[in-house]
Amino acid sequence: MTDKILLIRMAEAGDVLSVGLPAVRYFKTKFPNADISVLTYGDCAGFFTIAEPSVSLITLPQDEWPENIINAIETFLGLAEKIIGQGFSRIVNLDTAFMPCFLARFFKRRG
């Protein structure tokens, strides 16, 4: 069975370039037969598309991350349900922002 790995990196462009892309390359080396996906935010998906076209992307468009915390939690829980349905065997949060960490904690509690 092939590993399905999701890497979460939703920070700004500089963080995606300095942390997200090297992490993808590390995981591709460590798990050469895995299907790797990246959850990212806004326009950052373009960096992954250009630099690592074999990686699948899950993107939260910039206008779908509400400023209001309750609305943001609802948006992220809806996103979580979609991600859970994809059957990832490993989910790695590479982010430190509140909402990606909230999402990662939700996944951990769901098993």
PDB file of N, CA and C in Angstrom:
ATOM      1  N   MET A   1       0.830  -1.181   0.000  1.00  0.00           N
ATOM      2  CA  MET A   1       0.000   0.000   0.000  1.00  0.00           C
ATOM      3  C   MET A   1       0.881   1.253   0.000  1.00  0.00           C
ATOM      4  N   THR A   2       0.568   2.199  -0.834  1.00  0.00           N
ATOM      5  CA  THR A   2       1.335   3.432  -0.949  1.00  0.00           C
ATOM      6  C   THR A   2       0.940   4.407   0.146  1.00  0.00           C
ATOM      7  N   ASP A   3       1.952   5.008   0.766  1.00  0.00           N
ATOM      8  CA  ASP A   3       1.691   6.065   1.749  1.00  0.00           C
ATOM      9  C   ASP A   3       1.085   7.273   1.050  1.00  0.00           C
ATOM     10  N   LYS A   4       0.116   7.882   1.717  1.00  0.00           N
ATOM     11  CA  LYS A   4      -0.431   9.162   1.274  1.00  0.00           C
ATOM     12  C   LYS A   4      -0.077  10.165   2.353  1.00  0.00           C
ATOM     13  N   ILE A   5       0.741  11.139   1.984  1.00  0.00           N
ATOM     14  CA  ILE A   5       1.251  12.100   2.952  1.00  0.00           C
ATOM     15  C   ILE A   5       0.724  13.486   2.611  1.00  0.00           C
ATOM     16  N   LEU A   6       0.225  14.172   3.633  1.00  0.00           N
ATOM     17  CA  LEU A   6      -0.194  15.558   3.483  1.00  0.00           C
ATOM     18  C   LEU A   6       0.736  16.436   4.304  1.00  0.00           C
ATOM     19  N   LEU A   7       1.335  17.429   3.655  1.00  0.00           N
ATOM     20  CA  LEU A   7       2.147  18.431   4.327  1.00  0.00           C
ATOM     21  C   LEU A   7       1.343  19.724   4.366  1.00  0.00           C
ATOM     22  N   ILE A   8       1.275  20.338   5.538  1.00  0.00           N
ATOM     23  CA  ILE A   8       0.528  21.578   5.701  1.00  0.00           C
ATOM     24  C   ILE A   8       1.524  22.723   5.829  1.00  0.00           C
ATOM     25  N   ARG A   9       1.463  23.660   4.892  1.00  0.00           N
ATOM     26  CA  ARG A   9       2.276  24.883   4.966  1.00  0.00           C
ATOM     27  C   ARG A   9       1.454  26.005   4.369  1.00  0.00           C
ATOM     28  N   MET A  10       0.862  26.837   5.229  1.00  0.00           N
ATOM     29  CA  MET A  10      -0.083  27.849   4.776  1.00  0.00           C
ATOM     30  C   MET A  10       0.400  29.266   5.025  1.00  0.00           C
ATOM     31  N   ALA A  11       1.652  29.450   5.379  1.00  0.00           N
ATOM     32  CA  ALA A  11       2.164  30.779   5.681  1.00  0.00           C
ATOM     33  C   ALA A  11       2.435  31.572   4.398  1.00  0.00           C
ATOM     34  N   GLU A  12       3.074  32.677   4.557  1.00  0.00           N
ATOM     35  CA  GLU A  12       3.368  33.580   3.437  1.00  0.00           C
ATOM     36  C   GLU A  12       4.364  32.957   2.454  1.00  0.00           C
ATOM     37  N   ALA A  13       4.519  33.604   1.318  1.00  0.00           N
ATOM     38  CA  ALA A  13       5.335  33.084   0.217  1.00  0.00           C
ATOM     39  C   ALA A  13       6.771  32.769   0.644  1.00  0.00           C
ATOM     40  N   GLY A  14       7.404  33.650   1.387  1.00  0.00           N
ATOM     41  CA  GLY A  14       8.786  33.403   1.809  1.00  0.00           C
ATOM     42  C   GLY A  14       8.915  32.138   2.647  1.00  0.00           C
ATOM     43  N   ASP A  15       7.929  31.900   3.504  1.00  0.00           N
ATOM     44  CA  ASP A  15       7.935  30.694   4.336  1.00  0.00           C
ATOM     45  C   ASP A  15       7.716  29.448   3.490  1.00  0.00           C
ATOM     46  N   VAL A  16       6.859  29.560   2.508  1.00  0.00           N
ATOM     47  CA  VAL A  16       6.616  28.415   1.629  1.00  0.00           C
ATOM     48  C   VAL A  16       7.889  28.074   0.864  1.00  0.00           C
ATOM     49  N   LEU A  17       8.591  29.093   0.393  1.00  0.00           N
ATOM     50  CA  LEU A  17       9.818  28.860  -0.367  1.00  0.00           C
ATOM     51  C   LEU A  17      10.951  28.338   0.513  1.00  0.00           C
ATOM     52  N   SER A  18      11.046  28.835   1.748  1.00  0.00           N
ATOM     53  CA  SER A  18      12.171  28.429   2.599  1.00  0.00           C
ATOM     54  C   SER A  18      11.897  27.195   3.446  1.00  0.00           C
ATOM     55  N   VAL A  19      10.628  26.862   3.685  1.00  0.00           N
ATOM     56  CA  VAL A  19      10.282  25.698   4.503  1.00  0.00           C
ATOM     57  C   VAL A  19       9.473  24.672   3.707  1.00  0.00           C
ATOM     58  N   GLY A  20       8.430  25.121   3.041  1.00  0.00           N
ATOM     59  CA  GLY A  20       7.516  24.206   2.351  1.00  0.00           C
ATOM     60  C   GLY A  20       8.167  23.402   1.240  1.00  0.00           C
ATOM     61  N   LEU A  21       8.823  24.071   0.315  1.00  0.00           N
ATOM     62  CA  LEU A  21       9.446  23.344  -0.800  1.00  0.00           C
ATOM     63  C   LEU A  21      10.569  22.413  -0.343  1.00  0.00           C
ATOM     64  N   PRO A  22      11.487  22.857   0.539  1.00  0.00           N
ATOM     65  CA  PRO A  22      12.490  21.911   1.026  1.00  0.00           C
ATOM     66  C   PRO A  22      11.867  20.710   1.753  1.00  0.00           C
ATOM     67  N   ALA A  23      10.772  20.937   2.467  1.00  0.00           N
ATOM     68  CA  ALA A  23      10.103  19.825   3.153  1.00  0.00           C
ATOM     69  C   ALA A  23       9.536  18.831   2.150  1.00  0.00           C
ATOM     70  N   VAL A  24       8.921  19.335   1.094  1.00  0.00           N
ATOM     71  CA  VAL A  24       8.403  18.445   0.058  1.00  0.00           C
ATOM     72  C   VAL A  24       9.540  17.606  -0.510  1.00  0.00           C
ATOM     73  N   ARG A  25      10.650  18.234  -0.799  1.00  0.00           N
ATOM     74  CA  ARG A  25      11.797  17.503  -1.371  1.00  0.00           C
ATOM     75  C   ARG A  25      12.346  16.477  -0.386  1.00  0.00           C
ATOM     76  N   TYR A  26      12.375  16.823   0.884  1.00  0.00           N
ATOM     77  CA  TYR A  26      12.816  15.871   1.907  1.00  0.00           C
ATOM     78  C   TYR A  26      11.885  14.656   1.948  1.00  0.00           C
ATOM     79  N   PHE A  27      10.577  14.889   2.001  1.00  0.00           N
ATOM     80  CA  PHE A  27       9.623  13.787   2.070  1.00  0.00           C
ATOM     81  C   PHE A  27       9.644  12.942   0.800  1.00  0.00           C
ATOM     82  N   LYS A  28       9.879  13.565  -0.354  1.00  0.00           N
ATOM     83  CA  LYS A  28       9.981  12.798  -1.594  1.00  0.00           C
ATOM     84  C   LYS A  28      11.194  11.881  -1.555  1.00  0.00           C
ATOM     85  N   THR A  29      12.281  12.317  -0.929  1.00  0.00           N
ATOM     86  CA  THR A  29      13.475  11.489  -0.784  1.00  0.00           C
ATOM     87  C   THR A  29      13.268  10.391   0.248  1.00  0.00           C
ATOM     88  N   LYS A  30      12.678  10.754   1.381  1.00  0.00           N
ATOM     89  CA  LYS A  30      12.478   9.793   2.476  1.00  0.00           C
ATOM     90  C   LYS A  30      11.405   8.755   2.143  1.00  0.00           C
ATOM     91  N   PHE A  31      10.384   9.148   1.384  1.00  0.00           N
ATOM     92  CA  PHE A  31       9.275   8.263   1.012  1.00  0.00           C
ATOM     93  C   PHE A  31       9.091   8.314  -0.513  1.00  0.00           C
ATOM     94  N   PRO A  32      10.007   7.706  -1.259  1.00  0.00           N
ATOM     95  CA  PRO A  32       9.993   7.854  -2.730  1.00  0.00           C
ATOM     96  C   PRO A  32       8.750   7.305  -3.412  1.00  0.00           C
ATOM     97  N   ASN A  33       8.046   6.386  -2.796  1.00  0.00           N
ATOM     98  CA  ASN A  33       6.851   5.812  -3.415  1.00  0.00           C
ATOM     99  C   ASN A  33       5.549   6.426  -2.906  1.00  0.00           C
ATOM    100  N   ALA A  34       5.660   7.421  -2.047  1.00  0.00           N
ATOM    101  CA  ALA A  34       4.466   8.029  -1.451  1.00  0.00           C
ATOM    102  C   ALA A  34       3.805   9.011  -2.413  1.00  0.00           C
ATOM    103  N   ASP A  35       2.498   9.127  -2.250  1.00  0.00           N
ATOM    104  CA  ASP A  35       1.749  10.196  -2.914  1.00  0.00           C
ATOM    105  C   ASP A  35       1.754  11.371  -1.948  1.00  0.00           C
ATOM    106  N   ILE A  36       2.379  12.453  -2.363  1.00  0.00           N
ATOM    107  CA  ILE A  36       2.522  13.610  -1.477  1.00  0.00           C
ATOM    108  C   ILE A  36       1.603  14.728  -1.949  1.00  0.00           C
ATOM    109  N   SER A  37       0.885  15.281  -0.973  1.00  0.00           N
ATOM    110  CA  SER A  37       0.016  16.425  -1.218  1.00  0.00           C
ATOM    111  C   SER A  37       0.436  17.543  -0.273  1.00  0.00           C
ATOM    112  N   VAL A  38       0.120  18.769  -0.673  1.00  0.00           N
ATOM    113  CA  VAL A  38       0.415  19.937   0.155  1.00  0.00           C
ATOM    114  C   VAL A  38      -0.860  20.748   0.320  1.00  0.00           C
ATOM    115  N   LEU A  39      -1.154  21.094   1.560  1.00  0.00           N
ATOM    116  CA  LEU A  39      -2.230  22.035   1.851  1.00  0.00           C
ATOM    117  C   LEU A  39      -1.573  23.394   2.007  1.00  0.00           C
ATOM    118  N   THR A  40      -1.968  24.331   1.154  1.00  0.00           N
ATOM    119  CA  THR A  40      -1.388  25.660   1.200  1.00  0.00           C
ATOM    120  C   THR A  40      -2.481  26.699   1.030  1.00  0.00           C
ATOM    121  N   TYR A  41      -2.076  27.941   1.000  1.00  0.00           N
ATOM    122  CA  TYR A  41      -3.003  29.051   1.111  1.00  0.00           C
ATOM    123  C   TYR A  41      -2.783  30.059  -0.008  1.00  0.00           C
ATOM    124  N   GLY A  42      -3.864  30.535  -0.572  1.00  0.00           N
ATOM    125  CA  GLY A  42      -3.809  31.624  -1.539  1.00  0.00           C
ATOM    126  C   GLY A  42      -2.928  31.334  -2.733  1.00  0.00           C
ATOM    127  N   ASP A  43      -2.136  32.318  -3.095  1.00  0.00           N
ATOM    128  CA  ASP A  43      -1.290  32.228  -4.285  1.00  0.00           C
ATOM    129  C   ASP A  43      -0.053  31.340  -4.106  1.00  0.00           C
ATOM    130  N   CYS A  44       0.200  30.863  -2.907  1.00  0.00           N
ATOM    131  CA  CYS A  44       1.395  30.046  -2.664  1.00  0.00           C
ATOM    132  C   CYS A  44       1.373  28.737  -3.448  1.00  0.00           C
ATOM    133  N   ALA A  45       0.208  28.307  -3.865  1.00  0.00           N
ATOM    134  CA  ALA A  45       0.107  27.067  -4.641  1.00  0.00           C
ATOM    135  C   ALA A  45       0.957  27.143  -5.902  1.00  0.00           C
ATOM    136  N   GLY A  46       1.082  28.314  -6.472  1.00  0.00           N
ATOM    137  CA  GLY A  46       1.868  28.483  -7.691  1.00  0.00           C
ATOM    138  C   GLY A  46       3.314  28.069  -7.531  1.00  0.00           C
ATOM    139  N   PHE A  47       3.900  28.300  -6.370  1.00  0.00           N
ATOM    140  CA  PHE A  47       5.287  27.902  -6.144  1.00  0.00           C
ATOM    141  C   PHE A  47       5.439  26.387  -6.226  1.00  0.00           C
ATOM    142  N   PHE A  48       4.499  25.673  -5.620  1.00  0.00           N
ATOM    143  CA  PHE A  48       4.555  24.217  -5.655  1.00  0.00           C
ATOM    144  C   PHE A  48       4.301  23.698  -7.073  1.00  0.00           C
ATOM    145  N   THR A  49       3.376  24.320  -7.781  1.00  0.00           N
ATOM    146  CA  THR A  49       3.063  23.903  -9.145  1.00  0.00           C
ATOM    147  C   THR A  49       4.286  24.009 -10.043  1.00  0.00           C
ATOM    148  N   ILE A  50       5.046  25.079  -9.885  1.00  0.00           N
ATOM    149  CA  ILE A  50       6.230  25.296 -10.715  1.00  0.00           C
ATOM    150  C   ILE A  50       7.397  24.422 -10.257  1.00  0.00           C
ATOM    151  N   ALA A  51       7.675  24.405  -8.961  1.00  0.00           N
ATOM    152  CA  ALA A  51       8.876  23.730  -8.446  1.00  0.00           C
ATOM    153  C   ALA A  51       8.710  22.230  -8.251  1.00  0.00           C
ATOM    154  N   GLU A  52       7.510  21.766  -7.930  1.00  0.00           N
ATOM    155  CA  GLU A  52       7.253  20.351  -7.653  1.00  0.00           C
ATOM    156  C   GLU A  52       5.935  19.928  -8.301  1.00  0.00           C
ATOM    157  N   PRO A  53       5.890  19.855  -9.625  1.00  0.00           N
ATOM    158  CA  PRO A  53       4.613  19.582 -10.304  1.00  0.00           C
ATOM    159  C   PRO A  53       4.014  18.206 -10.012  1.00  0.00           C
ATOM    160  N   SER A  54       4.799  17.280  -9.468  1.00  0.00           N
ATOM    161  CA  SER A  54       4.257  15.950  -9.179  1.00  0.00           C
ATOM    162  C   SER A  54       3.463  15.913  -7.875  1.00  0.00           C
ATOM    163  N   VAL A  55       3.517  16.980  -7.117  1.00  0.00           N
ATOM    164  CA  VAL A  55       2.834  17.048  -5.830  1.00  0.00           C
ATOM    165  C   VAL A  55       1.403  17.531  -6.050  1.00  0.00           C
ATOM    166  N   SER A  56       0.451  16.858  -5.402  1.00  0.00           N
ATOM    167  CA  SER A  56      -0.946  17.288  -5.458  1.00  0.00           C
ATOM    168  C   SER A  56      -1.147  18.445  -4.493  1.00  0.00           C
ATOM    169  N   LEU A  57      -2.055  19.335  -4.840  1.00  0.00           N
ATOM    170  CA  LEU A  57      -2.293  20.509  -4.005  1.00  0.00           C
ATOM    171  C   LEU A  57      -3.732  20.565  -3.510  1.00  0.00           C
ATOM    172  N   ILE A  58      -3.853  20.974  -2.272  1.00  0.00           N
ATOM    173  CA  ILE A  58      -5.135  21.341  -1.696  1.00  0.00           C
ATOM    174  C   ILE A  58      -4.938  22.801  -1.296  1.00  0.00           C
ATOM    175  N   THR A  59      -5.720  23.672  -1.869  1.00  0.00           N
ATOM    176  CA  THR A  59      -5.514  25.105  -1.642  1.00  0.00           C
ATOM    177  C   THR A  59      -6.737  25.733  -1.009  1.00  0.00           C
ATOM    178  N   LEU A  60      -6.497  26.496   0.019  1.00  0.00           N
ATOM    179  CA  LEU A  60      -7.537  27.318   0.606  1.00  0.00           C
ATOM    180  C   LEU A  60      -7.364  28.710  -0.001  1.00  0.00           C
ATOM    181  N   PRO A  61      -8.285  29.123  -0.872  1.00  0.00           N
ATOM    182  CA  PRO A  61      -8.157  30.455  -1.475  1.00  0.00           C
ATOM    183  C   PRO A  61      -8.149  31.545  -0.406  1.00  0.00           C
ATOM    184  N   GLN A  62      -7.438  32.616  -0.691  1.00  0.00           N
ATOM    185  CA  GLN A  62      -7.265  33.688   0.286  1.00  0.00           C
ATOM    186  C   GLN A  62      -8.597  34.241   0.781  1.00  0.00           C
ATOM    187  N   ASP A  63      -9.580  34.349  -0.094  1.00  0.00           N
ATOM    188  CA  ASP A  63     -10.867  34.915   0.314  1.00  0.00           C
ATOM    189  C   ASP A  63     -11.728  33.943   1.114  1.00  0.00           C
ATOM    190  N   GLU A  64     -11.258  32.704   1.284  1.00  0.00           N
ATOM    191  CA  GLU A  64     -12.021  31.725   2.069  1.00  0.00           C
ATOM    192  C   GLU A  64     -11.474  31.540   3.488  1.00  0.00           C
ATOM    193  N   TRP A  65     -10.486  32.346   3.889  1.00  0.00           N
ATOM    194  CA  TRP A  65      -9.968  32.298   5.248  1.00  0.00           C
ATOM    195  C   TRP A  65     -10.512  33.530   5.968  1.00  0.00           C
ATOM    196  N   PRO A  66     -11.656  33.392   6.629  1.00  0.00           N
ATOM    197  CA  PRO A  66     -12.311  34.549   7.240  1.00  0.00           C
ATOM    198  C   PRO A  66     -11.501  35.146   8.388  1.00  0.00           C
ATOM    199  N   GLU A  67     -11.665  36.441   8.584  1.00  0.00           N
ATOM    200  CA  GLU A  67     -11.015  37.142   9.699  1.00  0.00           C
ATOM    201  C   GLU A  67     -11.642  36.751  11.036  1.00  0.00           C
ATOM    202  N   ASN A  68     -12.946  36.546  11.049  1.00  0.00           N
ATOM    203  CA  ASN A  68     -13.661  36.183  12.264  1.00  0.00           C
ATOM    204  C   ASN A  68     -13.279  34.752  12.663  1.00  0.00           C
ATOM    205  N   ILE A  69     -12.845  34.571  13.899  1.00  0.00           N
ATOM    206  CA  ILE A  69     -12.328  33.278  14.355  1.00  0.00           C
ATOM    207  C   ILE A  69     -13.371  32.167  14.277  1.00  0.00           C
ATOM    208  N   ILE A  70     -14.611  32.463  14.607  1.00  0.00           N
ATOM    209  CA  ILE A  70     -15.653  31.428  14.553  1.00  0.00           C
ATOM    210  C   ILE A  70     -15.885  30.995  13.108  1.00  0.00           C
ATOM    211  N   ASN A  71     -15.962  31.952  12.201  1.00  0.00           N
ATOM    212  CA  ASN A  71     -16.135  31.620  10.789  1.00  0.00           C
ATOM    213  C   ASN A  71     -14.922  30.863  10.251  1.00  0.00           C
ATOM    214  N   ALA A  72     -13.732  31.245  10.703  1.00  0.00           N
ATOM    215  CA  ALA A  72     -12.515  30.559  10.261  1.00  0.00           C
ATOM    216  C   ALA A  72     -12.519  29.105  10.744  1.00  0.00           C
ATOM    217  N   ILE A  73     -12.922  28.885  11.984  1.00  0.00           N
ATOM    218  CA  ILE A  73     -12.983  27.518  12.514  1.00  0.00           C
ATOM    219  C   ILE A  73     -13.966  26.685  11.703  1.00  0.00           C
ATOM    220  N   GLU A  74     -15.108  27.256  11.381  1.00  0.00           N
ATOM    221  CA  GLU A  74     -16.091  26.531  10.561  1.00  0.00           C
ATOM    222  C   GLU A  74     -15.517  26.194   9.190  1.00  0.00           C
ATOM    223  N   THR A  75     -14.817  27.142   8.575  1.00  0.00           N
ATOM    224  CA  THR A  75     -14.195  26.903   7.270  1.00  0.00           C
ATOM    225  C   THR A  75     -13.167  25.783   7.367  1.00  0.00           C
ATOM    226  N   PHE A  76     -12.331  25.821   8.387  1.00  0.00           N
ATOM    227  CA  PHE A  76     -11.282  24.820   8.533  1.00  0.00           C
ATOM    228  C   PHE A  76     -11.840  23.444   8.877  1.00  0.00           C
ATOM    229  N   LEU A  77     -12.925  23.396   9.643  1.00  0.00           N
ATOM    230  CA  LEU A  77     -13.539  22.097   9.934  1.00  0.00           C
ATOM    231  C   LEU A  77     -14.144  21.491   8.666  1.00  0.00           C
ATOM    232  N   GLY A  78     -14.729  22.318   7.812  1.00  0.00           N
ATOM    233  CA  GLY A  78     -15.219  21.828   6.520  1.00  0.00           C
ATOM    234  C   GLY A  78     -14.081  21.312   5.655  1.00  0.00           C
ATOM    235  N   LEU A  79     -12.966  22.027   5.653  1.00  0.00           N
ATOM    236  CA  LEU A  79     -11.774  21.588   4.933  1.00  0.00           C
ATOM    237  C   LEU A  79     -11.250  20.277   5.515  1.00  0.00           C
ATOM    238  N   ALA A  80     -11.276  20.163   6.835  1.00  0.00           N
ATOM    239  CA  ALA A  80     -10.811  18.944   7.498  1.00  0.00           C
ATOM    240  C   ALA A  80     -11.613  17.727   7.065  1.00  0.00           C
ATOM    241  N   GLU A  81     -12.906  17.866   6.960  1.00  0.00           N
ATOM    242  CA  GLU A  81     -13.751  16.741   6.535  1.00  0.00           C
ATOM    243  C   GLU A  81     -13.383  16.288   5.123  1.00  0.00           C
ATOM    244  N   LYS A  82     -13.104  17.232   4.238  1.00  0.00           N
ATOM    245  CA  LYS A  82     -12.678  16.875   2.875  1.00  0.00           C
ATOM    246  C   LYS A  82     -11.340  16.142   2.897  1.00  0.00           C
ATOM    247  N   ILE A  83     -10.424  16.613   3.742  1.00  0.00           N
ATOM    248  CA  ILE A  83      -9.099  15.997   3.827  1.00  0.00           C
ATOM    249  C   ILE A  83      -9.192  14.601   4.421  1.00  0.00           C
ATOM    250  N   ILE A  84      -9.980  14.430   5.458  1.00  0.00           N
ATOM    251  CA  ILE A  84     -10.139  13.111   6.076  1.00  0.00           C
ATOM    252  C   ILE A  84     -10.642  12.101   5.052  1.00  0.00           C
ATOM    253  N   GLY A  85     -11.530  12.525   4.178  1.00  0.00           N
ATOM    254  CA  GLY A  85     -12.068  11.646   3.150  1.00  0.00           C
ATOM    255  C   GLY A  85     -11.047  11.169   2.133  1.00  0.00           C
ATOM    256  N   GLN A  86      -9.891  11.811   2.090  1.00  0.00           N
ATOM    257  CA  GLN A  86      -8.856  11.417   1.131  1.00  0.00           C
ATOM    258  C   GLN A  86      -7.944  10.315   1.657  1.00  0.00           C
ATOM    259  N   GLY A  87      -8.087   9.931   2.902  1.00  0.00           N
ATOM    260  CA  GLY A  87      -7.378   8.772   3.442  1.00  0.00           C
ATOM    261  C   GLY A  87      -5.867   8.915   3.568  1.00  0.00           C
ATOM    262  N   PHE A  88      -5.403  10.052   4.064  1.00  0.00           N
ATOM    263  CA  PHE A  88      -3.965  10.228   4.252  1.00  0.00           C
ATOM    264  C   PHE A  88      -3.470   9.319   5.374  1.00  0.00           C
ATOM    265  N   SER A  89      -2.319   8.704   5.153  1.00  0.00           N
ATOM    266  CA  SER A  89      -1.726   7.851   6.178  1.00  0.00           C
ATOM    267  C   SER A  89      -0.833   8.656   7.120  1.00  0.00           C
ATOM    268  N   ARG A  90      -0.440   9.844   6.689  1.00  0.00           N
ATOM    269  CA  ARG A  90       0.450  10.684   7.494  1.00  0.00           C
ATOM    270  C   ARG A  90       0.118  12.144   7.165  1.00  0.00           C
ATOM    271  N   ILE A  91      -0.063  12.963   8.197  1.00  0.00           N
ATOM    272  CA  ILE A  91      -0.291  14.390   8.022  1.00  0.00           C
ATOM    273  C   ILE A  91       0.740  15.118   8.867  1.00  0.00           C
ATOM    274  N   VAL A  92       1.483  16.021   8.223  1.00  0.00           N
ATOM    275  CA  VAL A  92       2.560  16.741   8.900  1.00  0.00           C
ATOM    276  C   VAL A  92       2.289  18.237   8.800  1.00  0.00           C
ATOM    277  N   ASN A  93       2.165  18.887   9.947  1.00  0.00           N
ATOM    278  CA  ASN A  93       1.964  20.332   9.979  1.00  0.00           C
ATOM    279  C   ASN A  93       3.319  21.019  10.073  1.00  0.00           C
ATOM    280  N   LEU A  94       3.644  21.825   9.078  1.00  0.00           N
ATOM    281  CA  LEU A  94       4.896  22.579   9.041  1.00  0.00           C
ATOM    282  C   LEU A  94       4.655  24.053   9.340  1.00  0.00           C
ATOM    283  N   ASP A  95       3.506  24.373   9.871  1.00  0.00           N
ATOM    284  CA  ASP A  95       3.098  25.751  10.085  1.00  0.00           C
ATOM    285  C   ASP A  95       3.009  26.055  11.570  1.00  0.00           C
ATOM    286  N   THR A  96       3.060  27.335  11.919  1.00  0.00           N
ATOM    287  CA  THR A  96       2.926  27.742  13.317  1.00  0.00           C
ATOM    288  C   THR A  96       1.738  28.671  13.542  1.00  0.00           C
ATOM    289  N   ALA A  97       1.031  29.031  12.475  1.00  0.00           N
ATOM    290  CA  ALA A  97      -0.141  29.898  12.620  1.00  0.00           C
ATOM    291  C   ALA A  97      -1.259  29.140  13.337  1.00  0.00           C
ATOM    292  N   PHE A  98      -2.138  29.898  13.991  1.00  0.00           N
ATOM    293  CA  PHE A  98      -3.171  29.282  14.812  1.00  0.00           C
ATOM    294  C   PHE A  98      -4.055  28.310  14.030  1.00  0.00           C
ATOM    295  N   MET A  99      -4.599  28.725  12.893  1.00  0.00           N
ATOM    296  CA  MET A  99      -5.570  27.884  12.196  1.00  0.00           C
ATOM    297  C   MET A  99      -4.962  26.587  11.652  1.00  0.00           C
ATOM    298  N   PRO A 100      -3.784  26.601  11.029  1.00  0.00           N
ATOM    299  CA  PRO A 100      -3.193  25.313  10.626  1.00  0.00           C
ATOM    300  C   PRO A 100      -2.894  24.408  11.829  1.00  0.00           C
ATOM    301  N   CYS A 101      -2.481  24.997  12.950  1.00  0.00           N
ATOM    302  CA  CYS A 101      -2.237  24.197  14.154  1.00  0.00           C
ATOM    303  C   CYS A 101      -3.546  23.641  14.708  1.00  0.00           C
ATOM    304  N   PHE A 102      -4.606  24.440  14.672  1.00  0.00           N
ATOM    305  CA  PHE A 102      -5.933  23.971  15.073  1.00  0.00           C
ATOM    306  C   PHE A 102      -6.346  22.786  14.211  1.00  0.00           C
ATOM    307  N   LEU A 103      -6.134  22.914  12.902  1.00  0.00           N
ATOM    308  CA  LEU A 103      -6.480  21.849  11.964  1.00  0.00           C
ATOM    309  C   LEU A 103      -5.669  20.579  12.262  1.00  0.00           C
ATOM    310  N   ALA A 104      -4.371  20.732  12.487  1.00  0.00           N
ATOM    311  CA  ALA A 104      -3.521  19.576  12.788  1.00  0.00           C
ATOM    312  C   ALA A 104      -3.953  18.899  14.084  1.00  0.00           C
ATOM    313  N   ARG A 105      -4.319  19.683  15.076  1.00  0.00           N
ATOM    314  CA  ARG A 105      -4.782  19.115  16.347  1.00  0.00           C
ATOM    315  C   ARG A 105      -6.091  18.354  16.149  1.00  0.00           C
ATOM    316  N   PHE A 106      -6.950  18.886  15.285  1.00  0.00           N
ATOM    317  CA  PHE A 106      -8.196  18.217  14.970  1.00  0.00           C
ATOM    318  C   PHE A 106      -7.910  16.849  14.339  1.00  0.00           C
ATOM    319  N   PHE A 107      -6.970  16.818  13.385  1.00  0.00           N
ATOM    320  CA  PHE A 107      -6.606  15.545  12.755  1.00  0.00           C
ATOM    321  C   PHE A 107      -6.057  14.553  13.778  1.00  0.00           C
ATOM    322  N   LYS A 108      -5.225  15.040  14.693  1.00  0.00           N
ATOM    323  CA  LYS A 108      -4.650  14.151  15.707  1.00  0.00           C
ATOM    324  C   LYS A 108      -5.746  13.546  16.577  1.00  0.00           C
ATOM    325  N   ARG A 109      -6.703  14.344  16.955  1.00  0.00           N
ATOM    326  CA  ARG A 109      -7.792  13.834  17.794  1.00  0.00           C
ATOM    327  C   ARG A 109      -8.701  12.873  17.041  1.00  0.00           C
ATOM    328  N   ARG A 110      -8.791  13.051  15.728  1.00  0.00           N
ATOM    329  CA  ARG A 110      -9.602  12.154  14.898  1.00  0.00           C
ATOM    330  C   ARG A 110      -8.875  10.853  14.581  1.00  0.00           C
ATOM    331  N   GLY A 111      -7.572  10.841  14.855  1.00  0.00           N
ATOM    332  CA  GLY A 111      -6.809   9.619  14.617  1.00  0.00           C
ATOM    333  C   GLY A 111      -6.230   9.563  13.239  1.00  0.00           C
TER     334      GLY A 111
END
